[in-house]
Amino acid sequence: MHVDLNKEIKDIHGQPLEQDGRIMTLASAIATSLVAPEQGTSSEEQLKRFILATRIYGAKLPVELTIDEAAMIKKCVARICGPLATGPICIALEEAASAPAKPNGTHAHPN
């Protein structure tokens, strides 16, 4: 699935959320969640999370994610972030997963 993670995360008043003086995006919240320490996580799992976080954080275009990667993101985000970040991230992932497939095998972006 292709998902655009460069969208800003906004508070309930529609104002952009900030983290460390920077406007928080879906990508920045996901990357932060993926690299947050978690007890009992294997080195293999930590490596997967690190690689995914760097791929997402540096992306300027929509990112291609597998179903497993989306599930990993949801798990990490729910553990680290509050509803203001978790909600928009889960919505973006669900919308991307349910977007109709294009003839070339990719997903169309709902506009």
PDB file of N, CA and C in Angstrom:
ATOM      1  N   MET A   1       0.834  -1.178   0.000  1.00  0.00           N
ATOM      2  CA  MET A   1       0.000   0.000   0.000  1.00  0.00           C
ATOM      3  C   MET A   1       0.880   1.243   0.000  1.00  0.00           C
ATOM      4  N   HIS A   2       0.460   2.266  -0.724  1.00  0.00           N
ATOM      5  CA  HIS A   2       1.157   3.554  -0.734  1.00  0.00           C
ATOM      6  C   HIS A   2       0.453   4.475   0.255  1.00  0.00           C
ATOM      7  N   VAL A   3       1.219   5.130   1.114  1.00  0.00           N
ATOM      8  CA  VAL A   3       0.620   6.033   2.094  1.00  0.00           C
ATOM      9  C   VAL A   3       1.471   7.295   2.213  1.00  0.00           C
ATOM     10  N   ASP A   4       0.798   8.446   2.196  1.00  0.00           N
ATOM     11  CA  ASP A   4       1.475   9.736   2.331  1.00  0.00           C
ATOM     12  C   ASP A   4       1.589  10.055   3.816  1.00  0.00           C
ATOM     13  N   LEU A   5       2.801  10.080   4.321  1.00  0.00           N
ATOM     14  CA  LEU A   5       3.042  10.307   5.750  1.00  0.00           C
ATOM     15  C   LEU A   5       3.601  11.694   6.041  1.00  0.00           C
ATOM     16  N   ASN A   6       3.573  12.576   5.058  1.00  0.00           N
ATOM     17  CA  ASN A   6       4.094  13.931   5.257  1.00  0.00           C
ATOM     18  C   ASN A   6       3.047  14.907   5.777  1.00  0.00           C
ATOM     19  N   LYS A   7       1.854  14.428   6.054  1.00  0.00           N
ATOM     20  CA  LYS A   7       0.787  15.288   6.564  1.00  0.00           C
ATOM     21  C   LYS A   7       1.079  15.706   8.003  1.00  0.00           C
ATOM     22  N   GLU A   8       0.711  16.938   8.324  1.00  0.00           N
ATOM     23  CA  GLU A   8       0.878  17.445   9.693  1.00  0.00           C
ATOM     24  C   GLU A   8      -0.149  16.805  10.606  1.00  0.00           C
ATOM     25  N   ILE A   9       0.243  16.613  11.859  1.00  0.00           N
ATOM     26  CA  ILE A   9      -0.689  16.157  12.890  1.00  0.00           C
ATOM     27  C   ILE A   9      -1.198  17.405  13.593  1.00  0.00           C
ATOM     28  N   LYS A  10      -2.517  17.500  13.714  1.00  0.00           N
ATOM     29  CA  LYS A  10      -3.118  18.692  14.307  1.00  0.00           C
ATOM     30  C   LYS A  10      -3.847  18.348  15.596  1.00  0.00           C
ATOM     31  N   ASP A  11      -3.950  19.354  16.473  1.00  0.00           N
ATOM     32  CA  ASP A  11      -4.683  19.157  17.718  1.00  0.00           C
ATOM     33  C   ASP A  11      -6.189  19.256  17.437  1.00  0.00           C
ATOM     34  N   ILE A  12      -7.000  19.135  18.468  1.00  0.00           N
ATOM     35  CA  ILE A  12      -8.450  19.156  18.272  1.00  0.00           C
ATOM     36  C   ILE A  12      -8.963  20.513  17.819  1.00  0.00           C
ATOM     37  N   HIS A  13      -8.134  21.538  17.897  1.00  0.00           N
ATOM     38  CA  HIS A  13      -8.500  22.875  17.436  1.00  0.00           C
ATOM     39  C   HIS A  13      -8.009  23.134  16.015  1.00  0.00           C
ATOM     40  N   GLY A  14      -7.356  22.138  15.415  1.00  0.00           N
ATOM     41  CA  GLY A  14      -6.865  22.280  14.053  1.00  0.00           C
ATOM     42  C   GLY A  14      -5.493  22.920  13.937  1.00  0.00           C
ATOM     43  N   GLN A  15      -4.822  23.120  15.061  1.00  0.00           N
ATOM     44  CA  GLN A  15      -3.487  23.716  15.058  1.00  0.00           C
ATOM     45  C   GLN A  15      -2.430  22.618  14.990  1.00  0.00           C
ATOM     46  N   PRO A  16      -1.367  22.826  14.206  1.00  0.00           N
ATOM     47  CA  PRO A  16      -0.316  21.808  14.115  1.00  0.00           C
ATOM     48  C   PRO A  16       0.332  21.527  15.475  1.00  0.00           C
ATOM     49  N   LEU A  17       0.558  20.264  15.762  1.00  0.00           N
ATOM     50  CA  LEU A  17       1.277  19.876  16.975  1.00  0.00           C
ATOM     51  C   LEU A  17       2.767  20.047  16.728  1.00  0.00           C
ATOM     52  N   GLU A  18       3.482  20.403  17.786  1.00  0.00           N
ATOM     53  CA  GLU A  18       4.927  20.553  17.688  1.00  0.00           C
ATOM     54  C   GLU A  18       5.617  19.602  18.644  1.00  0.00           C
ATOM     55  N   GLN A  19       6.784  19.155  18.209  1.00  0.00           N
ATOM     56  CA  GLN A  19       7.642  18.306  19.039  1.00  0.00           C
ATOM     57  C   GLN A  19       9.055  18.821  18.873  1.00  0.00           C
ATOM     58  N   ASP A  20       9.678  19.213  19.957  1.00  0.00           N
ATOM     59  CA  ASP A  20      11.039  19.756  19.926  1.00  0.00           C
ATOM     60  C   ASP A  20      11.151  20.943  18.972  1.00  0.00           C
ATOM     61  N   GLY A  21      10.112  21.789  18.939  1.00  0.00           N
ATOM     62  CA  GLY A  21      10.129  22.992  18.122  1.00  0.00           C
ATOM     63  C   GLY A  21       9.841  22.767  16.647  1.00  0.00           C
ATOM     64  N   ARG A  22       9.519  21.537  16.265  1.00  0.00           N
ATOM     65  CA  ARG A  22       9.213  21.219  14.864  1.00  0.00           C
ATOM     66  C   ARG A  22       7.767  20.758  14.763  1.00  0.00           C
ATOM     67  N   ILE A  23       7.140  21.082  13.641  1.00  0.00           N
ATOM     68  CA  ILE A  23       5.779  20.612  13.417  1.00  0.00           C
ATOM     69  C   ILE A  23       5.813  19.094  13.242  1.00  0.00           C
ATOM     70  N   MET A  24       4.931  18.429  13.962  1.00  0.00           N
ATOM     71  CA  MET A  24       4.879  16.976  13.948  1.00  0.00           C
ATOM     72  C   MET A  24       4.112  16.495  12.715  1.00  0.00           C
ATOM     73  N   THR A  25       4.700  15.549  12.006  1.00  0.00           N
ATOM     74  CA  THR A  25       4.040  14.917  10.870  1.00  0.00           C
ATOM     75  C   THR A  25       3.754  13.461  11.213  1.00  0.00           C
ATOM     76  N   LEU A  26       2.946  12.835  10.374  1.00  0.00           N
ATOM     77  CA  LEU A  26       2.714  11.403  10.569  1.00  0.00           C
ATOM     78  C   LEU A  26       4.046  10.662  10.546  1.00  0.00           C
ATOM     79  N   ALA A  27       4.920  11.037   9.611  1.00  0.00           N
ATOM     80  CA  ALA A  27       6.227  10.372   9.489  1.00  0.00           C
ATOM     81  C   ALA A  27       7.079  10.550  10.735  1.00  0.00           C
ATOM     82  N   SER A  28       7.128  11.759  11.268  1.00  0.00           N
ATOM     83  CA  SER A  28       7.986  11.977  12.443  1.00  0.00           C
ATOM     84  C   SER A  28       7.462  11.235  13.665  1.00  0.00           C
ATOM     85  N   ALA A  29       6.140  11.198  13.836  1.00  0.00           N
ATOM     86  CA  ALA A  29       5.565  10.472  14.973  1.00  0.00           C
ATOM     87  C   ALA A  29       5.795   8.968  14.829  1.00  0.00           C
ATOM     88  N   ILE A  30       5.640   8.466  13.605  1.00  0.00           N
ATOM     89  CA  ILE A  30       5.868   7.033  13.372  1.00  0.00           C
ATOM     90  C   ILE A  30       7.329   6.680  13.610  1.00  0.00           C
ATOM     91  N   ALA A  31       8.243   7.458  13.041  1.00  0.00           N
ATOM     92  CA  ALA A  31       9.670   7.163  13.207  1.00  0.00           C
ATOM     93  C   ALA A  31      10.069   7.191  14.678  1.00  0.00           C
ATOM     94  N   THR A  32       9.588   8.183  15.411  1.00  0.00           N
ATOM     95  CA  THR A  32       9.888   8.273  16.846  1.00  0.00           C
ATOM     96  C   THR A  32       9.365   7.047  17.583  1.00  0.00           C
ATOM     97  N   SER A  33       8.162   6.615  17.231  1.00  0.00           N
ATOM     98  CA  SER A  33       7.567   5.444  17.885  1.00  0.00           C
ATOM     99  C   SER A  33       8.319   4.160  17.561  1.00  0.00           C
ATOM    100  N   LEU A  34       8.735   4.035  16.311  1.00  0.00           N
ATOM    101  CA  LEU A  34       9.438   2.821  15.902  1.00  0.00           C
ATOM    102  C   LEU A  34      10.789   2.652  16.598  1.00  0.00           C
ATOM    103  N   VAL A  35      11.482   3.754  16.865  1.00  0.00           N
ATOM    104  CA  VAL A  35      12.811   3.647  17.473  1.00  0.00           C
ATOM    105  C   VAL A  35      12.798   3.785  18.992  1.00  0.00           C
ATOM    106  N   ALA A  36      11.622   3.946  19.577  1.00  0.00           N
ATOM    107  CA  ALA A  36      11.539   4.031  21.042  1.00  0.00           C
ATOM    108  C   ALA A  36      11.887   2.675  21.644  1.00  0.00           C
ATOM    109  N   PRO A  37      12.671   2.663  22.727  1.00  0.00           N
ATOM    110  CA  PRO A  37      13.055   1.399  23.353  1.00  0.00           C
ATOM    111  C   PRO A  37      11.840   0.624  23.864  1.00  0.00           C
ATOM    112  N   GLU A  38      11.930  -0.677  23.753  1.00  0.00           N
ATOM    113  CA  GLU A  38      10.886  -1.559  24.268  1.00  0.00           C
ATOM    114  C   GLU A  38      11.557  -2.806  24.833  1.00  0.00           C
ATOM    115  N   GLN A  39      11.327  -3.080  26.098  1.00  0.00           N
ATOM    116  CA  GLN A  39      11.957  -4.227  26.748  1.00  0.00           C
ATOM    117  C   GLN A  39      11.552  -5.524  26.079  1.00  0.00           C
ATOM    118  N   GLY A  40      12.501  -6.429  25.944  1.00  0.00           N
ATOM    119  CA  GLY A  40      12.225  -7.753  25.412  1.00  0.00           C
ATOM    120  C   GLY A  40      12.192  -7.824  23.897  1.00  0.00           C
ATOM    121  N   THR A  41      12.534  -6.727  23.220  1.00  0.00           N
ATOM    122  CA  THR A  41      12.543  -6.733  21.764  1.00  0.00           C
ATOM    123  C   THR A  41      13.883  -7.266  21.268  1.00  0.00           C
ATOM    124  N   SER A  42      13.822  -8.215  20.348  1.00  0.00           N
ATOM    125  CA  SER A  42      15.048  -8.828  19.828  1.00  0.00           C
ATOM    126  C   SER A  42      15.828  -7.835  18.966  1.00  0.00           C
ATOM    127  N   SER A  43      17.094  -8.138  18.755  1.00  0.00           N
ATOM    128  CA  SER A  43      17.906  -7.273  17.900  1.00  0.00           C
ATOM    129  C   SER A  43      17.376  -7.283  16.471  1.00  0.00           C
ATOM    130  N   GLU A  44      16.842  -8.412  16.017  1.00  0.00           N
ATOM    131  CA  GLU A  44      16.271  -8.484  14.670  1.00  0.00           C
ATOM    132  C   GLU A  44      15.072  -7.548  14.539  1.00  0.00           C
ATOM    133  N   GLU A  45      14.210  -7.547  15.537  1.00  0.00           N
ATOM    134  CA  GLU A  45      13.035  -6.668  15.537  1.00  0.00           C
ATOM    135  C   GLU A  45      13.461  -5.208  15.606  1.00  0.00           C
ATOM    136  N   GLN A  46      14.442  -4.906  16.438  1.00  0.00           N
ATOM    137  CA  GLN A  46      14.934  -3.535  16.533  1.00  0.00           C
ATOM    138  C   GLN A  46      15.520  -3.066  15.204  1.00  0.00           C
ATOM    139  N   LEU A  47      16.225  -3.946  14.514  1.00  0.00           N
ATOM    140  CA  LEU A  47      16.790  -3.601  13.210  1.00  0.00           C
ATOM    141  C   LEU A  47      15.681  -3.329  12.200  1.00  0.00           C
ATOM    142  N   LYS A  48      14.653  -4.169  12.165  1.00  0.00           N
ATOM    143  CA  LYS A  48      13.507  -3.944  11.263  1.00  0.00           C
ATOM    144  C   LYS A  48      12.878  -2.581  11.534  1.00  0.00           C
ATOM    145  N   ARG A  49      12.683  -2.270  12.804  1.00  0.00           N
ATOM    146  CA  ARG A  49      12.068  -0.991  13.173  1.00  0.00           C
ATOM    147  C   ARG A  49      12.955   0.186  12.765  1.00  0.00           C
ATOM    148  N   PHE A  50      14.252   0.046  12.973  1.00  0.00           N
ATOM    149  CA  PHE A  50      15.183   1.111  12.602  1.00  0.00           C
ATOM    150  C   PHE A  50      15.168   1.358  11.098  1.00  0.00           C
ATOM    151  N   ILE A  51      15.239   0.304  10.316  1.00  0.00           N
ATOM    152  CA  ILE A  51      15.243   0.441   8.855  1.00  0.00           C
ATOM    153  C   ILE A  51      13.941   1.074   8.381  1.00  0.00           C
ATOM    154  N   LEU A  52      12.819   0.627   8.921  1.00  0.00           N
ATOM    155  CA  LEU A  52      11.526   1.198   8.538  1.00  0.00           C
ATOM    156  C   LEU A  52      11.434   2.666   8.947  1.00  0.00           C
ATOM    157  N   ALA A  53      11.897   2.994  10.146  1.00  0.00           N
ATOM    158  CA  ALA A  53      11.861   4.386  10.621  1.00  0.00           C
ATOM    159  C   ALA A  53      12.675   5.298   9.713  1.00  0.00           C
ATOM    160  N   THR A  54      13.863   4.863   9.320  1.00  0.00           N
ATOM    161  CA  THR A  54      14.692   5.713   8.454  1.00  0.00           C
ATOM    162  C   THR A  54      14.085   5.841   7.065  1.00  0.00           C
ATOM    163  N   ARG A  55      13.466   4.783   6.572  1.00  0.00           N
ATOM    164  CA  ARG A  55      12.806   4.841   5.263  1.00  0.00           C
ATOM    165  C   ARG A  55      11.624   5.816   5.285  1.00  0.00           C
ATOM    166  N   ILE A  56      10.855   5.791   6.357  1.00  0.00           N
ATOM    167  CA  ILE A  56       9.681   6.659   6.477  1.00  0.00           C
ATOM    168  C   ILE A  56      10.087   8.099   6.733  1.00  0.00           C
ATOM    169  N   TYR A  57      11.009   8.309   7.655  1.00  0.00           N
ATOM    170  CA  TYR A  57      11.361   9.675   8.059  1.00  0.00           C
ATOM    171  C   TYR A  57      11.963  10.480   6.914  1.00  0.00           C
ATOM    172  N   GLY A  58      12.734   9.848   6.063  1.00  0.00           N
ATOM    173  CA  GLY A  58      13.386  10.569   4.981  1.00  0.00           C
ATOM    174  C   GLY A  58      12.581  10.672   3.700  1.00  0.00           C
ATOM    175  N   ALA A  59      11.402  10.064   3.669  1.00  0.00           N
ATOM    176  CA  ALA A  59      10.620  10.024   2.434  1.00  0.00           C
ATOM    177  C   ALA A  59       9.944  11.362   2.143  1.00  0.00           C
ATOM    178  N   LYS A  60      10.046  11.790   0.906  1.00  0.00           N
ATOM    179  CA  LYS A  60       9.358  13.005   0.457  1.00  0.00           C
ATOM    180  C   LYS A  60       8.059  12.653  -0.269  1.00  0.00           C
ATOM    181  N   LEU A  61       8.003  11.429  -0.794  1.00  0.00           N
ATOM    182  CA  LEU A  61       6.844  10.942  -1.535  1.00  0.00           C
ATOM    183  C   LEU A  61       6.116   9.895  -0.699  1.00  0.00           C
ATOM    184  N   PRO A  62       4.907   9.492  -1.123  1.00  0.00           N
ATOM    185  CA  PRO A  62       4.234   8.407  -0.402  1.00  0.00           C
ATOM    186  C   PRO A  62       5.127   7.170  -0.303  1.00  0.00           C
ATOM    187  N   VAL A  63       4.984   6.464   0.796  1.00  0.00           N
ATOM    188  CA  VAL A  63       5.818   5.300   1.101  1.00  0.00           C
ATOM    189  C   VAL A  63       5.028   4.028   0.831  1.00  0.00           C
ATOM    190  N   GLU A  64       5.699   3.049   0.270  1.00  0.00           N
ATOM    191  CA  GLU A  64       5.092   1.725   0.071  1.00  0.00           C
ATOM    192  C   GLU A  64       5.297   0.917   1.353  1.00  0.00           C
ATOM    193  N   LEU A  65       4.200   0.446   1.939  1.00  0.00           N
ATOM    194  CA  LEU A  65       4.257  -0.348   3.165  1.00  0.00           C
ATOM    195  C   LEU A  65       3.563  -1.680   2.960  1.00  0.00           C
ATOM    196  N   THR A  66       4.092  -2.707   3.604  1.00  0.00           N
ATOM    197  CA  THR A  66       3.418  -3.998   3.614  1.00  0.00           C
ATOM    198  C   THR A  66       2.386  -4.001   4.734  1.00  0.00           C
ATOM    199  N   ILE A  67       1.524  -4.989   4.713  1.00  0.00           N
ATOM    200  CA  ILE A  67       0.540  -5.143   5.784  1.00  0.00           C
ATOM    201  C   ILE A  67       1.253  -5.355   7.121  1.00  0.00           C
ATOM    202  N   ASP A  68       2.332  -6.137   7.119  1.00  0.00           N
ATOM    203  CA  ASP A  68       3.095  -6.392   8.350  1.00  0.00           C
ATOM    204  C   ASP A  68       3.736  -5.114   8.881  1.00  0.00           C
ATOM    205  N   GLU A  69       4.270  -4.282   7.973  1.00  0.00           N
ATOM    206  CA  GLU A  69       4.869  -3.010   8.398  1.00  0.00           C
ATOM    207  C   GLU A  69       3.809  -2.084   8.983  1.00  0.00           C
ATOM    208  N   ALA A  70       2.634  -2.050   8.376  1.00  0.00           N
ATOM    209  CA  ALA A  70       1.543  -1.226   8.903  1.00  0.00           C
ATOM    210  C   ALA A  70       1.135  -1.699  10.296  1.00  0.00           C
ATOM    211  N   ALA A  71       1.088  -3.011  10.483  1.00  0.00           N
ATOM    212  CA  ALA A  71       0.739  -3.560  11.803  1.00  0.00           C
ATOM    213  C   ALA A  71       1.800  -3.200  12.842  1.00  0.00           C
ATOM    214  N   MET A  72       3.076  -3.276  12.455  1.00  0.00           N
ATOM    215  CA  MET A  72       4.163  -2.907  13.358  1.00  0.00           C
ATOM    216  C   MET A  72       4.048  -1.427  13.749  1.00  0.00           C
ATOM    217  N   ILE A  73       3.754  -0.587  12.764  1.00  0.00           N
ATOM    218  CA  ILE A  73       3.604   0.846  13.017  1.00  0.00           C
ATOM    219  C   ILE A  73       2.467   1.084  14.009  1.00  0.00           C
ATOM    220  N   LYS A  74       1.321   0.485  13.765  1.00  0.00           N
ATOM    221  CA  LYS A  74       0.164   0.673  14.653  1.00  0.00           C
ATOM    222  C   LYS A  74       0.501   0.257  16.090  1.00  0.00           C
ATOM    223  N   LYS A  75       1.191  -0.870  16.225  1.00  0.00           N
ATOM    224  CA  LYS A  75       1.556  -1.368  17.563  1.00  0.00           C
ATOM    225  C   LYS A  75       2.476  -0.375  18.277  1.00  0.00           C
ATOM    226  N   CYS A  76       3.501   0.095  17.580  1.00  0.00           N
ATOM    227  CA  CYS A  76       4.469   1.007  18.193  1.00  0.00           C
ATOM    228  C   CYS A  76       3.853   2.361  18.498  1.00  0.00           C
ATOM    229  N   VAL A  77       3.059   2.869  17.581  1.00  0.00           N
ATOM    230  CA  VAL A  77       2.429   4.175  17.768  1.00  0.00           C
ATOM    231  C   VAL A  77       1.457   4.129  18.950  1.00  0.00           C
ATOM    232  N   ALA A  78       0.661   3.072  19.043  1.00  0.00           N
ATOM    233  CA  ALA A  78      -0.297   2.953  20.149  1.00  0.00           C
ATOM    234  C   ALA A  78       0.410   2.888  21.497  1.00  0.00           C
ATOM    235  N   ARG A  79       1.618   2.324  21.510  1.00  0.00           N
ATOM    236  CA  ARG A  79       2.375   2.196  22.757  1.00  0.00           C
ATOM    237  C   ARG A  79       2.993   3.520  23.185  1.00  0.00           C
ATOM    238  N   ILE A  80       3.378   4.372  22.221  1.00  0.00           N
ATOM    239  CA  ILE A  80       4.142   5.576  22.524  1.00  0.00           C
ATOM    240  C   ILE A  80       3.315   6.858  22.457  1.00  0.00           C
ATOM    241  N   CYS A  81       2.441   6.961  21.479  1.00  0.00           N
ATOM    242  CA  CYS A  81       1.730   8.220  21.218  1.00  0.00           C
ATOM    243  C   CYS A  81       0.344   8.240  21.851  1.00  0.00           C
ATOM    244  N   GLY A  82      -0.176   9.433  22.010  1.00  0.00           N
ATOM    245  CA  GLY A  82      -1.543   9.604  22.460  1.00  0.00           C
ATOM    246  C   GLY A  82      -2.500   9.597  21.283  1.00  0.00           C
ATOM    247  N   PRO A  83      -3.789   9.748  21.556  1.00  0.00           N
ATOM    248  CA  PRO A  83      -4.803   9.690  20.511  1.00  0.00           C
ATOM    249  C   PRO A  83      -4.660  10.740  19.407  1.00  0.00           C
ATOM    250  N   LEU A  84      -4.101  11.910  19.707  1.00  0.00           N
ATOM    251  CA  LEU A  84      -3.965  12.943  18.680  1.00  0.00           C
ATOM    252  C   LEU A  84      -3.018  12.530  17.569  1.00  0.00           C
ATOM    253  N   ALA A  85      -2.064  11.664  17.853  1.00  0.00           N
ATOM    254  CA  ALA A  85      -1.163  11.149  16.821  1.00  0.00           C
ATOM    255  C   ALA A  85      -1.611   9.763  16.348  1.00  0.00           C
ATOM    256  N   THR A  86      -2.003   8.910  17.285  1.00  0.00           N
ATOM    257  CA  THR A  86      -2.400   7.549  16.922  1.00  0.00           C
ATOM    258  C   THR A  86      -3.591   7.548  15.978  1.00  0.00           C
ATOM    259  N   GLY A  87      -4.575   8.388  16.254  1.00  0.00           N
ATOM    260  CA  GLY A  87      -5.776   8.438  15.412  1.00  0.00           C
ATOM    261  C   GLY A  87      -5.467   8.748  13.958  1.00  0.00           C
ATOM    262  N   PRO A  88      -4.828   9.893  13.659  1.00  0.00           N
ATOM    263  CA  PRO A  88      -4.530  10.211  12.258  1.00  0.00           C
ATOM    264  C   PRO A  88      -3.624   9.191  11.572  1.00  0.00           C
ATOM    265  N   ILE A  89      -2.692   8.610  12.316  1.00  0.00           N
ATOM    266  CA  ILE A  89      -1.801   7.599  11.718  1.00  0.00           C
ATOM    267  C   ILE A  89      -2.596   6.360  11.336  1.00  0.00           C
ATOM    268  N   CYS A  90      -3.424   5.874  12.236  1.00  0.00           N
ATOM    269  CA  CYS A  90      -4.222   4.683  11.938  1.00  0.00           C
ATOM    270  C   CYS A  90      -5.204   4.946  10.800  1.00  0.00           C
ATOM    271  N   ILE A  91      -5.804   6.138  10.780  1.00  0.00           N
ATOM    272  CA  ILE A  91      -6.722   6.487   9.695  1.00  0.00           C
ATOM    273  C   ILE A  91      -5.990   6.489   8.360  1.00  0.00           C
ATOM    274  N   ALA A  92      -4.802   7.095   8.304  1.00  0.00           N
ATOM    275  CA  ALA A  92      -4.020   7.137   7.053  1.00  0.00           C
ATOM    276  C   ALA A  92      -3.671   5.729   6.581  1.00  0.00           C
ATOM    277  N   LEU A  93      -3.279   4.854   7.501  1.00  0.00           N
ATOM    278  CA  LEU A  93      -2.932   3.487   7.135  1.00  0.00           C
ATOM    279  C   LEU A  93      -4.154   2.709   6.659  1.00  0.00           C
ATOM    280  N   GLU A  94      -5.285   2.882   7.332  1.00  0.00           N
ATOM    281  CA  GLU A  94      -6.520   2.186   6.937  1.00  0.00           C
ATOM    282  C   GLU A  94      -7.010   2.672   5.575  1.00  0.00           C
ATOM    283  N   GLU A  95      -6.948   3.979   5.337  1.00  0.00           N
ATOM    284  CA  GLU A  95      -7.374   4.517   4.042  1.00  0.00           C
ATOM    285  C   GLU A  95      -6.485   3.994   2.923  1.00  0.00           C
ATOM    286  N   ALA A  96      -5.182   3.934   3.171  1.00  0.00           N
ATOM    287  CA  ALA A  96      -4.262   3.426   2.156  1.00  0.00           C
ATOM    288  C   ALA A  96      -4.518   1.942   1.883  1.00  0.00           C
ATOM    289  N   ALA A  97      -4.809   1.192   2.926  1.00  0.00           N
ATOM    290  CA  ALA A  97      -5.047  -0.245   2.765  1.00  0.00           C
ATOM    291  C   ALA A  97      -6.332  -0.515   1.999  1.00  0.00           C
ATOM    292  N   SER A  98      -7.311   0.377   2.135  1.00  0.00           N
ATOM    293  CA  SER A  98      -8.596   0.149   1.474  1.00  0.00           C
ATOM    294  C   SER A  98      -8.713   0.849   0.124  1.00  0.00           C
ATOM    295  N   ALA A  99      -7.667   1.581  -0.289  1.00  0.00           N
ATOM    296  CA  ALA A  99      -7.694   2.261  -1.586  1.00  0.00           C
ATOM    297  C   ALA A  99      -7.723   1.220  -2.698  1.00  0.00           C
ATOM    298  N   PRO A 100      -8.523   1.468  -3.751  1.00  0.00           N
ATOM    299  CA  PRO A 100      -8.572   0.492  -4.853  1.00  0.00           C
ATOM    300  C   PRO A 100      -7.226   0.369  -5.552  1.00  0.00           C
ATOM    301  N   ALA A 101      -6.909  -0.824  -5.960  1.00  0.00           N
ATOM    302  CA  ALA A 101      -5.637  -1.077  -6.644  1.00  0.00           C
ATOM    303  C   ALA A 101      -5.676  -0.513  -8.054  1.00  0.00           C
ATOM    304  N   LYS A 102      -4.548   0.070  -8.470  1.00  0.00           N
ATOM    305  CA  LYS A 102      -4.386   0.534  -9.852  1.00  0.00           C
ATOM    306  C   LYS A 102      -4.015  -0.665 -10.715  1.00  0.00           C
ATOM    307  N   PRO A 103      -4.163  -0.547 -12.036  1.00  0.00           N
ATOM    308  CA  PRO A 103      -3.805  -1.673 -12.912  1.00  0.00           C
ATOM    309  C   PRO A 103      -2.366  -2.163 -12.770  1.00  0.00           C
ATOM    310  N   ASN A 104      -1.416  -1.271 -12.403  1.00  0.00           N
ATOM    311  CA  ASN A 104      -0.019  -1.691 -12.279  1.00  0.00           C
ATOM    312  C   ASN A 104       0.290  -2.348 -10.936  1.00  0.00           C
ATOM    313  N   GLY A 105      -0.746  -2.593 -10.128  1.00  0.00           N
ATOM    314  CA  GLY A 105      -0.554  -3.290  -8.851  1.00  0.00           C
ATOM    315  C   GLY A 105      -0.396  -2.377  -7.650  1.00  0.00           C
ATOM    316  N   THR A 106      -0.296  -1.063  -7.878  1.00  0.00           N
ATOM    317  CA  THR A 106      -0.203  -0.134  -6.761  1.00  0.00           C
ATOM    318  C   THR A 106      -1.604   0.303  -6.373  1.00  0.00           C
ATOM    319  N   HIS A 107      -1.713   1.081  -5.329  1.00  0.00           N
ATOM    320  CA  HIS A 107      -3.003   1.566  -4.874  1.00  0.00           C
ATOM    321  C   HIS A 107      -3.219   3.000  -5.310  1.00  0.00           C
ATOM    322  N   ALA A 108      -4.457   3.291  -5.645  1.00  0.00           N
ATOM    323  CA  ALA A 108      -4.816   4.666  -5.991  1.00  0.00           C
ATOM    324  C   ALA A 108      -4.897   5.486  -4.718  1.00  0.00           C
ATOM    325  N   HIS A 109      -4.577   6.759  -4.831  1.00  0.00           N
ATOM    326  CA  HIS A 109      -4.690   7.657  -3.683  1.00  0.00           C
ATOM    327  C   HIS A 109      -6.060   8.294  -3.699  1.00  0.00           C
ATOM    328  N   PRO A 110      -6.855   8.152  -2.618  1.00  0.00           N
ATOM    329  CA  PRO A 110      -8.148   8.816  -2.584  1.00  0.00           C
ATOM    330  C   PRO A 110      -7.939  10.327  -2.463  1.00  0.00           C
ATOM    331  N   ASN A 111      -8.588  11.092  -3.286  1.00  0.00           N
ATOM    332  CA  ASN A 111      -8.464  12.563  -3.227  1.00  0.00           C
ATOM    333  C   ASN A 111      -9.731  13.173  -2.757  1.00  0.00           C
TER     334      ASN A 111
END
